[in-house]
Amino acid sequence: WARYGGRHVADTMQLWSLPSPERISLDTICRFLGIP
């Protein structure tokens, strides 16, 4: 658990939301970026 949130884990929900508390779905991000 000590590694979570560091350089060993990348959470695309958090990376996409940046500092905001938004919980944006993977499907929403895909459609926005033109990914199926």
PDB file of all heavy atoms in Angstrom:
ATOM      1  N   TRP A   1       0.812  -1.217   0.000  1.00  0.00           N
ATOM      2  CA  TRP A   1       0.000   0.000   0.000  1.00  0.00           C
ATOM      3  C   TRP A   1       0.841   1.261   0.000  1.00  0.00           C
ATOM      4  O   TRP A   1       0.423   2.304  -0.473  1.00  0.00           O
ATOM      5  CB  TRP A   1      -0.936  -0.005   1.205  1.00  0.00           C
ATOM      6  CG  TRP A   1      -2.165  -0.774   0.928  1.00  0.00           C
ATOM      7  CD1 TRP A   1      -2.476  -2.023   1.380  1.00  0.00           C
ATOM      8  CD2 TRP A   1      -3.260  -0.387   0.090  1.00  0.00           C
ATOM      9  NE1 TRP A   1      -3.677  -2.434   0.882  1.00  0.00           N
ATOM     10  CE2 TRP A   1      -4.189  -1.447   0.098  1.00  0.00           C
ATOM     11  CE3 TRP A   1      -3.538   0.747  -0.657  1.00  0.00           C
ATOM     12  CZ2 TRP A   1      -5.379  -1.400  -0.612  1.00  0.00           C
ATOM     13  CZ3 TRP A   1      -4.715   0.799  -1.370  1.00  0.00           C
ATOM     14  CH2 TRP A   1      -5.614  -0.266  -1.347  1.00  0.00           C
ATOM     15  N   ALA A   2       2.043   1.175   0.534  1.00  0.00           N
ATOM     16  CA  ALA A   2       2.875   2.376   0.600  1.00  0.00           C
ATOM     17  C   ALA A   2       3.211   2.908  -0.786  1.00  0.00           C
ATOM     18  O   ALA A   2       3.518   4.083  -0.949  1.00  0.00           O
ATOM     19  CB  ALA A   2       4.169   2.077   1.355  1.00  0.00           C
ATOM     20  N   ARG A   3       3.115   2.059  -1.781  1.00  0.00           N
ATOM     21  CA  ARG A   3       3.488   2.488  -3.135  1.00  0.00           C
ATOM     22  C   ARG A   3       2.322   3.132  -3.885  1.00  0.00           C
ATOM     23  O   ARG A   3       2.525   3.782  -4.901  1.00  0.00           O
ATOM     24  CB  ARG A   3       3.991   1.285  -3.930  1.00  0.00           C
ATOM     25  CG  ARG A   3       5.295   0.708  -3.385  1.00  0.00           C
ATOM     26  CD  ARG A   3       5.788  -0.401  -4.285  1.00  0.00           C
ATOM     27  NE  ARG A   3       7.099  -0.874  -3.840  1.00  0.00           N
ATOM     28  CZ  ARG A   3       7.826  -1.769  -4.498  1.00  0.00           C
ATOM     29  NH1 ARG A   3       7.367  -2.283  -5.616  1.00  0.00           N
ATOM     30  NH2 ARG A   3       8.993  -2.148  -4.050  1.00  0.00           N
ATOM     31  N   TYR A   4       1.112   2.898  -3.434  1.00  0.00           N
ATOM     32  CA  TYR A   4      -0.027   3.416  -4.189  1.00  0.00           C
ATOM     33  C   TYR A   4      -0.010   4.942  -4.186  1.00  0.00           C
ATOM     34  O   TYR A   4       0.208   5.575  -3.178  1.00  0.00           O
ATOM     35  CB  TYR A   4      -1.348   2.928  -3.594  1.00  0.00           C
ATOM     36  CG  TYR A   4      -1.576   1.450  -3.764  1.00  0.00           C
ATOM     37  CD1 TYR A   4      -2.675   0.834  -3.221  1.00  0.00           C
ATOM     38  CD2 TYR A   4      -0.675   0.668  -4.481  1.00  0.00           C
ATOM     39  CE1 TYR A   4      -2.893  -0.522  -3.368  1.00  0.00           C
ATOM     40  CE2 TYR A   4      -0.872  -0.679  -4.627  1.00  0.00           C
ATOM     41  CZ  TYR A   4      -1.973  -1.272  -4.071  1.00  0.00           C
ATOM     42  OH  TYR A   4      -2.181  -2.614  -4.221  1.00  0.00           O
ATOM     43  N   GLY A   5      -0.303   5.493  -5.356  1.00  0.00           N
ATOM     44  CA  GLY A   5      -0.323   6.939  -5.492  1.00  0.00           C
ATOM     45  C   GLY A   5       1.032   7.510  -5.854  1.00  0.00           C
ATOM     46  O   GLY A   5       1.149   8.685  -6.150  1.00  0.00           O
ATOM     47  N   GLY A   6       2.071   6.696  -5.839  1.00  0.00           N
ATOM     48  CA  GLY A   6       3.391   7.161  -6.200  1.00  0.00           C
ATOM     49  C   GLY A   6       3.720   6.800  -7.633  1.00  0.00           C
ATOM     50  O   GLY A   6       2.842   6.658  -8.480  1.00  0.00           O
ATOM     51  N   ARG A   7       5.001   6.590  -7.880  1.00  0.00           N
ATOM     52  CA  ARG A   7       5.407   6.323  -9.264  1.00  0.00           C
ATOM     53  C   ARG A   7       5.119   4.909  -9.694  1.00  0.00           C
ATOM     54  O   ARG A   7       5.320   4.546 -10.848  1.00  0.00           O
ATOM     55  CB  ARG A   7       6.892   6.635  -9.443  1.00  0.00           C
ATOM     56  CG  ARG A   7       7.824   5.729  -8.664  1.00  0.00           C
ATOM     57  CD  ARG A   7       9.241   6.261  -8.697  1.00  0.00           C
ATOM     58  NE  ARG A   7      10.162   5.401  -7.974  1.00  0.00           N
ATOM     59  CZ  ARG A   7      10.836   4.404  -8.522  1.00  0.00           C
ATOM     60  NH1 ARG A   7      10.647   4.106  -9.793  1.00  0.00           N
ATOM     61  NH2 ARG A   7      11.677   3.690  -7.817  1.00  0.00           N
ATOM     62  N   HIS A   8       4.617   4.058  -8.792  1.00  0.00           N
ATOM     63  CA  HIS A   8       4.336   2.677  -9.136  1.00  0.00           C
ATOM     64  C   HIS A   8       2.902   2.452  -9.599  1.00  0.00           C
ATOM     65  O   HIS A   8       2.573   1.371 -10.059  1.00  0.00           O
ATOM     66  CB  HIS A   8       4.615   1.757  -7.939  1.00  0.00           C
ATOM     67  CG  HIS A   8       6.044   1.784  -7.503  1.00  0.00           C
ATOM     68  ND1 HIS A   8       6.527   2.684  -6.600  1.00  0.00           N
ATOM     69  CD2 HIS A   8       7.103   1.014  -7.876  1.00  0.00           C
ATOM     70  CE1 HIS A   8       7.821   2.476  -6.420  1.00  0.00           C
ATOM     71  NE2 HIS A   8       8.190   1.473  -7.181  1.00  0.00           N
ATOM     72  N   VAL A   9       2.043   3.435  -9.437  1.00  0.00           N
ATOM     73  CA  VAL A   9       0.636   3.307  -9.816  1.00  0.00           C
ATOM     74  C   VAL A   9       0.193   4.567 -10.542  1.00  0.00           C
ATOM     75  O   VAL A   9       0.506   5.681 -10.122  1.00  0.00           O
ATOM     76  CB  VAL A   9      -0.267   3.090  -8.578  1.00  0.00           C
ATOM     77  CG1 VAL A   9      -1.738   3.075  -8.981  1.00  0.00           C
ATOM     78  CG2 VAL A   9       0.099   1.804  -7.868  1.00  0.00           C
ATOM     79  N   ALA A  10      -0.521   4.377 -11.646  1.00  0.00           N
ATOM     80  CA  ALA A  10      -1.103   5.498 -12.386  1.00  0.00           C
ATOM     81  C   ALA A  10      -2.597   5.248 -12.529  1.00  0.00           C
ATOM     82  O   ALA A  10      -3.004   4.239 -13.121  1.00  0.00           O
ATOM     83  CB  ALA A  10      -0.445   5.643 -13.758  1.00  0.00           C
ATOM     84  N   ASP A  11      -3.395   6.121 -11.959  1.00  0.00           N
ATOM     85  CA  ASP A  11      -4.851   6.011 -12.006  1.00  0.00           C
ATOM     86  C   ASP A  11      -5.361   7.019 -13.029  1.00  0.00           C
ATOM     87  O   ASP A  11      -5.287   8.226 -12.815  1.00  0.00           O
ATOM     88  CB  ASP A  11      -5.426   6.303 -10.617  1.00  0.00           C
ATOM     89  CG  ASP A  11      -6.904   5.990 -10.513  1.00  0.00           C
ATOM     90  OD1 ASP A  11      -7.622   6.186 -11.506  1.00  0.00           O
ATOM     91  OD2 ASP A  11      -7.345   5.566  -9.426  1.00  0.00           O
ATOM     92  N   THR A  12      -5.861   6.519 -14.153  1.00  0.00           N
ATOM     93  CA  THR A  12      -6.282   7.432 -15.216  1.00  0.00           C
ATOM     94  C   THR A  12      -7.448   8.328 -14.792  1.00  0.00           C
ATOM     95  O   THR A  12      -7.583   9.434 -15.313  1.00  0.00           O
ATOM     96  CB  THR A  12      -6.656   6.655 -16.493  1.00  0.00           C
ATOM     97  OG1 THR A  12      -7.606   5.631 -16.175  1.00  0.00           O
ATOM     98  CG2 THR A  12      -5.424   6.036 -17.128  1.00  0.00           C
ATOM     99  N   MET A  13      -8.271   7.877 -13.851  1.00  0.00           N
ATOM    100  CA  MET A  13      -9.339   8.753 -13.361  1.00  0.00           C
ATOM    101  C   MET A  13      -8.740   9.957 -12.643  1.00  0.00           C
ATOM    102  O   MET A  13      -9.146  11.106 -12.878  1.00  0.00           O
ATOM    103  CB  MET A  13     -10.275   7.999 -12.422  1.00  0.00           C
ATOM    104  CG  MET A  13     -11.366   8.885 -11.806  1.00  0.00           C
ATOM    105  SD  MET A  13     -12.432   8.017 -10.629  1.00  0.00           S
ATOM    106  CE  MET A  13     -13.495   7.121 -11.778  1.00  0.00           C
ATOM    107  N   GLN A  14      -7.752   9.708 -11.803  1.00  0.00           N
ATOM    108  CA  GLN A  14      -7.127  10.806 -11.074  1.00  0.00           C
ATOM    109  C   GLN A  14      -6.289  11.687 -11.996  1.00  0.00           C
ATOM    110  O   GLN A  14      -6.291  12.913 -11.871  1.00  0.00           O
ATOM    111  CB  GLN A  14      -6.258  10.245  -9.945  1.00  0.00           C
ATOM    112  CG  GLN A  14      -7.049   9.562  -8.852  1.00  0.00           C
ATOM    113  CD  GLN A  14      -6.167   9.075  -7.719  1.00  0.00           C
ATOM    114  OE1 GLN A  14      -4.947   9.242  -7.744  1.00  0.00           O
ATOM    115  NE2 GLN A  14      -6.777   8.453  -6.727  1.00  0.00           N
ATOM    116  N   LEU A  15      -5.554  11.070 -12.902  1.00  0.00           N
ATOM    117  CA  LEU A  15      -4.718  11.853 -13.809  1.00  0.00           C
ATOM    118  C   LEU A  15      -5.557  12.761 -14.689  1.00  0.00           C
ATOM    119  O   LEU A  15      -5.171  13.912 -14.966  1.00  0.00           O
ATOM    120  CB  LEU A  15      -3.870  10.919 -14.684  1.00  0.00           C
ATOM    121  CG  LEU A  15      -2.841  10.049 -13.953  1.00  0.00           C
ATOM    122  CD1 LEU A  15      -2.128   9.141 -14.943  1.00  0.00           C
ATOM    123  CD2 LEU A  15      -1.844  10.903 -13.191  1.00  0.00           C
ATOM    124  N   TRP A  16      -6.715  12.263 -15.132  1.00  0.00           N
ATOM    125  CA  TRP A  16      -7.580  13.069 -15.986  1.00  0.00           C
ATOM    126  C   TRP A  16      -8.252  14.197 -15.208  1.00  0.00           C
ATOM    127  O   TRP A  16      -8.435  15.297 -15.715  1.00  0.00           O
ATOM    128  CB  TRP A  16      -8.631  12.188 -16.648  1.00  0.00           C
ATOM    129  CG  TRP A  16      -9.480  12.927 -17.641  1.00  0.00           C
ATOM    130  CD1 TRP A  16     -10.748  13.406 -17.458  1.00  0.00           C
ATOM    131  CD2 TRP A  16      -9.106  13.298 -18.971  1.00  0.00           C
ATOM    132  NE1 TRP A  16     -11.191  14.037 -18.581  1.00  0.00           N
ATOM    133  CE2 TRP A  16     -10.203  13.993 -19.542  1.00  0.00           C
ATOM    134  CE3 TRP A  16      -7.953  13.111 -19.739  1.00  0.00           C
ATOM    135  CZ2 TRP A  16     -10.176  14.498 -20.832  1.00  0.00           C
ATOM    136  CZ3 TRP A  16      -7.931  13.607 -21.034  1.00  0.00           C
ATOM    137  CH2 TRP A  16      -9.027  14.287 -21.559  1.00  0.00           C
ATOM    138  N   SER A  17      -8.615  13.917 -13.966  1.00  0.00           N
ATOM    139  CA  SER A  17      -9.314  14.917 -13.164  1.00  0.00           C
ATOM    140  C   SER A  17      -8.391  16.006 -12.645  1.00  0.00           C
ATOM    141  O   SER A  17      -8.854  17.073 -12.234  1.00  0.00           O
ATOM    142  CB  SER A  17      -9.996  14.241 -11.967  1.00  0.00           C
ATOM    143  OG  SER A  17     -10.951  13.302 -12.401  1.00  0.00           O
ATOM    144  N   LEU A  18      -7.066  15.736 -12.658  1.00  0.00           N
ATOM    145  CA  LEU A  18      -6.086  16.676 -12.111  1.00  0.00           C
ATOM    146  C   LEU A  18      -6.418  16.953 -10.645  1.00  0.00           C
ATOM    147  O   LEU A  18      -6.756  16.033  -9.924  1.00  0.00           O
ATOM    148  CB  LEU A  18      -6.024  17.927 -12.984  1.00  0.00           C
ATOM    149  CG  LEU A  18      -5.520  17.668 -14.428  1.00  0.00           C
ATOM    150  CD1 LEU A  18      -5.637  18.921 -15.275  1.00  0.00           C
ATOM    151  CD2 LEU A  18      -4.084  17.179 -14.403  1.00  0.00           C
ATOM    152  N   PRO A  19      -6.403  18.204 -10.165  1.00  0.00           N
ATOM    153  CA  PRO A  19      -6.656  18.396  -8.729  1.00  0.00           C
ATOM    154  C   PRO A  19      -8.137  18.347  -8.350  1.00  0.00           C
ATOM    155  O   PRO A  19      -8.461  18.367  -7.170  1.00  0.00           O
ATOM    156  CB  PRO A  19      -6.093  19.804  -8.452  1.00  0.00           C
ATOM    157  CG  PRO A  19      -5.354  20.211  -9.667  1.00  0.00           C
ATOM    158  CD  PRO A  19      -5.969  19.457 -10.803  1.00  0.00           C
ATOM    159  N   SER A  20      -9.027  18.301  -9.321  1.00  0.00           N
ATOM    160  CA  SER A  20     -10.451  18.375  -9.008  1.00  0.00           C
ATOM    161  C   SER A  20     -10.943  17.043  -8.447  1.00  0.00           C
ATOM    162  O   SER A  20     -10.341  15.999  -8.671  1.00  0.00           O
ATOM    163  CB  SER A  20     -11.257  18.722 -10.256  1.00  0.00           C
ATOM    164  OG  SER A  20     -11.452  17.575 -11.060  1.00  0.00           O
ATOM    165  N   PRO A  21     -12.067  17.059  -7.707  1.00  0.00           N
ATOM    166  CA  PRO A  21     -12.602  15.818  -7.136  1.00  0.00           C
ATOM    167  C   PRO A  21     -13.513  15.059  -8.096  1.00  0.00           C
ATOM    168  O   PRO A  21     -14.188  14.125  -7.694  1.00  0.00           O
ATOM    169  CB  PRO A  21     -13.398  16.328  -5.924  1.00  0.00           C
ATOM    170  CG  PRO A  21     -13.895  17.674  -6.354  1.00  0.00           C
ATOM    171  CD  PRO A  21     -12.805  18.249  -7.225  1.00  0.00           C
ATOM    172  N   GLU A  22     -13.542  15.460  -9.363  1.00  0.00           N
ATOM    173  CA  GLU A  22     -14.438  14.814 -10.321  1.00  0.00           C
ATOM    174  C   GLU A  22     -14.113  13.324 -10.474  1.00  0.00           C
ATOM    175  O   GLU A  22     -12.952  12.917 -10.455  1.00  0.00           O
ATOM    176  CB  GLU A  22     -14.318  15.481 -11.687  1.00  0.00           C
ATOM    177  CG  GLU A  22     -14.841  16.898 -11.751  1.00  0.00           C
ATOM    178  CD  GLU A  22     -14.664  17.478 -13.141  1.00  0.00           C
ATOM    179  OE1 GLU A  22     -13.540  17.876 -13.462  1.00  0.00           O
ATOM    180  OE2 GLU A  22     -15.647  17.508 -13.902  1.00  0.00           O
ATOM    181  N   ARG A  23     -15.168  12.519 -10.621  1.00  0.00           N
ATOM    182  CA  ARG A  23     -15.011  11.086 -10.897  1.00  0.00           C
ATOM    183  C   ARG A  23     -15.543  10.854 -12.311  1.00  0.00           C
ATOM    184  O   ARG A  23     -16.722  10.560 -12.502  1.00  0.00           O
ATOM    185  CB  ARG A  23     -15.770  10.252  -9.860  1.00  0.00           C
ATOM    186  CG  ARG A  23     -15.212  10.394  -8.457  1.00  0.00           C
ATOM    187  CD  ARG A  23     -16.050   9.601  -7.454  1.00  0.00           C
ATOM    188  NE  ARG A  23     -16.147   8.195  -7.813  1.00  0.00           N
ATOM    189  CZ  ARG A  23     -15.221   7.281  -7.525  1.00  0.00           C
ATOM    190  NH1 ARG A  23     -14.120   7.629  -6.875  1.00  0.00           N
ATOM    191  NH2 ARG A  23     -15.391   6.013  -7.869  1.00  0.00           N
ATOM    192  N   ILE A  24     -14.675  10.990 -13.278  1.00  0.00           N
ATOM    193  CA  ILE A  24     -15.069  10.928 -14.678  1.00  0.00           C
ATOM    194  C   ILE A  24     -14.875   9.501 -15.179  1.00  0.00           C
ATOM    195  O   ILE A  24     -13.815   8.899 -15.006  1.00  0.00           O
ATOM    196  CB  ILE A  24     -14.253  11.921 -15.517  1.00  0.00           C
ATOM    197  CG1 ILE A  24     -14.445  13.341 -14.962  1.00  0.00           C
ATOM    198  CG2 ILE A  24     -14.668  11.867 -16.987  1.00  0.00           C
ATOM    199  CD1 ILE A  24     -13.541  14.372 -15.584  1.00  0.00           C
ATOM    200  N   SER A  25     -15.908   8.974 -15.811  1.00  0.00           N
ATOM    201  CA  SER A  25     -15.871   7.577 -16.237  1.00  0.00           C
ATOM    202  C   SER A  25     -14.886   7.381 -17.384  1.00  0.00           C
ATOM    203  O   SER A  25     -14.590   8.295 -18.160  1.00  0.00           O
ATOM    204  CB  SER A  25     -17.257   7.113 -16.669  1.00  0.00           C
ATOM    205  OG  SER A  25     -17.627   7.705 -17.908  1.00  0.00           O
ATOM    206  N   LEU A  26     -14.409   6.154 -17.502  1.00  0.00           N
ATOM    207  CA  LEU A  26     -13.516   5.799 -18.604  1.00  0.00           C
ATOM    208  C   LEU A  26     -14.219   5.992 -19.931  1.00  0.00           C
ATOM    209  O   LEU A  26     -13.617   6.481 -20.904  1.00  0.00           O
ATOM    210  CB  LEU A  26     -13.058   4.350 -18.437  1.00  0.00           C
ATOM    211  CG  LEU A  26     -12.128   3.790 -19.516  1.00  0.00           C
ATOM    212  CD1 LEU A  26     -10.830   4.566 -19.587  1.00  0.00           C
ATOM    213  CD2 LEU A  26     -11.839   2.299 -19.237  1.00  0.00           C
ATOM    214  N   ASP A  27     -15.491   5.642 -19.999  1.00  0.00           N
ATOM    215  CA  ASP A  27     -16.245   5.786 -21.240  1.00  0.00           C
ATOM    216  C   ASP A  27     -16.347   7.250 -21.664  1.00  0.00           C
ATOM    217  O   ASP A  27     -16.203   7.574 -22.841  1.00  0.00           O
ATOM    218  CB  ASP A  27     -17.634   5.178 -21.065  1.00  0.00           C
ATOM    219  CG  ASP A  27     -18.384   5.043 -22.382  1.00  0.00           C
ATOM    220  OD1 ASP A  27     -17.796   4.503 -23.339  1.00  0.00           O
ATOM    221  OD2 ASP A  27     -19.546   5.468 -22.456  1.00  0.00           O
ATOM    222  N   THR A  28     -16.573   8.145 -20.710  1.00  0.00           N
ATOM    223  CA  THR A  28     -16.660   9.575 -21.012  1.00  0.00           C
ATOM    224  C   THR A  28     -15.349  10.087 -21.576  1.00  0.00           C
ATOM    225  O   THR A  28     -15.318  10.830 -22.570  1.00  0.00           O
ATOM    226  CB  THR A  28     -17.036  10.363 -19.747  1.00  0.00           C
ATOM    227  OG1 THR A  28     -18.353   9.979 -19.327  1.00  0.00           O
ATOM    228  CG2 THR A  28     -17.019  11.860 -20.011  1.00  0.00           C
ATOM    229  N   ILE A  29     -14.241   9.688 -20.965  1.00  0.00           N
ATOM    230  CA  ILE A  29     -12.922  10.133 -21.431  1.00  0.00           C
ATOM    231  C   ILE A  29     -12.649   9.580 -22.824  1.00  0.00           C
ATOM    232  O   ILE A  29     -12.163  10.311 -23.708  1.00  0.00           O
ATOM    233  CB  ILE A  29     -11.829   9.694 -20.448  1.00  0.00           C
ATOM    234  CG1 ILE A  29     -12.063  10.324 -19.077  1.00  0.00           C
ATOM    235  CG2 ILE A  29     -10.448  10.081 -20.980  1.00  0.00           C
ATOM    236  CD1 ILE A  29     -11.167   9.775 -17.986  1.00  0.00           C
ATOM    237  N   CYS A  30     -12.971   8.316 -23.041  1.00  0.00           N
ATOM    238  CA  CYS A  30     -12.745   7.712 -24.356  1.00  0.00           C
ATOM    239  C   CYS A  30     -13.517   8.449 -25.438  1.00  0.00           C
ATOM    240  O   CYS A  30     -12.962   8.781 -26.501  1.00  0.00           O
ATOM    241  CB  CYS A  30     -13.150   6.239 -24.332  1.00  0.00           C
ATOM    242  SG  CYS A  30     -11.988   5.159 -23.482  1.00  0.00           S
ATOM    243  N   ARG A  31     -14.788   8.708 -25.178  1.00  0.00           N
ATOM    244  CA  ARG A  31     -15.599   9.393 -26.194  1.00  0.00           C
ATOM    245  C   ARG A  31     -15.064  10.795 -26.452  1.00  0.00           C
ATOM    246  O   ARG A  31     -15.058  11.268 -27.595  1.00  0.00           O
ATOM    247  CB  ARG A  31     -17.056   9.432 -25.750  1.00  0.00           C
ATOM    248  CG  ARG A  31     -17.739   8.065 -25.873  1.00  0.00           C
ATOM    249  CD  ARG A  31     -19.228   8.113 -25.625  1.00  0.00           C
ATOM    250  NE  ARG A  31     -19.540   8.202 -24.209  1.00  0.00           N
ATOM    251  CZ  ARG A  31     -20.004   9.267 -23.594  1.00  0.00           C
ATOM    252  NH1 ARG A  31     -20.210  10.384 -24.283  1.00  0.00           N
ATOM    253  NH2 ARG A  31     -20.260   9.267 -22.303  1.00  0.00           N
ATOM    254  N   PHE A  32     -14.603  11.477 -25.426  1.00  0.00           N
ATOM    255  CA  PHE A  32     -14.053  12.822 -25.572  1.00  0.00           C
ATOM    256  C   PHE A  32     -12.780  12.807 -26.432  1.00  0.00           C
ATOM    257  O   PHE A  32     -12.547  13.708 -27.245  1.00  0.00           O
ATOM    258  CB  PHE A  32     -13.750  13.405 -24.193  1.00  0.00           C
ATOM    259  CG  PHE A  32     -13.198  14.800 -24.220  1.00  0.00           C
ATOM    260  CD1 PHE A  32     -14.028  15.890 -24.424  1.00  0.00           C
ATOM    261  CD2 PHE A  32     -11.837  15.027 -24.036  1.00  0.00           C
ATOM    262  CE1 PHE A  32     -13.512  17.178 -24.451  1.00  0.00           C
ATOM    263  CE2 PHE A  32     -11.309  16.306 -24.067  1.00  0.00           C
ATOM    264  CZ  PHE A  32     -12.158  17.387 -24.267  1.00  0.00           C
ATOM    265  N   LEU A  33     -11.975  11.762 -26.256  1.00  0.00           N
ATOM    266  CA  LEU A  33     -10.700  11.675 -26.976  1.00  0.00           C
ATOM    267  C   LEU A  33     -10.822  10.972 -28.322  1.00  0.00           C
ATOM    268  O   LEU A  33      -9.834  10.826 -29.030  1.00  0.00           O
ATOM    269  CB  LEU A  33      -9.670  10.945 -26.112  1.00  0.00           C
ATOM    270  CG  LEU A  33      -9.235  11.656 -24.823  1.00  0.00           C
ATOM    271  CD1 LEU A  33      -8.291  10.761 -24.021  1.00  0.00           C
ATOM    272  CD2 LEU A  33      -8.567  12.992 -25.132  1.00  0.00           C
ATOM    273  N   GLY A  34     -12.020  10.499 -28.663  1.00  0.00           N
ATOM    274  CA  GLY A  34     -12.192   9.804 -29.930  1.00  0.00           C
ATOM    275  C   GLY A  34     -11.718   8.366 -29.890  1.00  0.00           C
ATOM    276  O   GLY A  34     -11.441   7.764 -30.937  1.00  0.00           O
ATOM    277  N   ILE A  35     -11.630   7.800 -28.696  1.00  0.00           N
ATOM    278  CA  ILE A  35     -11.253   6.399 -28.525  1.00  0.00           C
ATOM    279  C   ILE A  35     -12.538   5.580 -28.428  1.00  0.00           C
ATOM    280  O   ILE A  35     -13.487   6.005 -27.761  1.00  0.00           O
ATOM    281  CB  ILE A  35     -10.423   6.224 -27.238  1.00  0.00           C
ATOM    282  CG1 ILE A  35      -9.108   6.997 -27.354  1.00  0.00           C
ATOM    283  CG2 ILE A  35     -10.160   4.748 -26.938  1.00  0.00           C
ATOM    284  CD1 ILE A  35      -8.357   7.150 -26.040  1.00  0.00           C
ATOM    285  N   PRO A  36     -12.622   4.429 -29.094  1.00  0.00           N
ATOM    286  CA  PRO A  36     -13.852   3.632 -29.004  1.00  0.00           C
ATOM    287  C   PRO A  36     -14.247   3.358 -27.556  1.00  0.00           C
ATOM    288  O   PRO A  36     -13.423   2.936 -26.745  1.00  0.00           O
ATOM    289  CB  PRO A  36     -13.483   2.337 -29.740  1.00  0.00           C
ATOM    290  CG  PRO A  36     -12.410   2.754 -30.698  1.00  0.00           C
ATOM    291  CD  PRO A  36     -11.630   3.826 -29.998  1.00  0.00           C
TER     292      PRO A  36
END
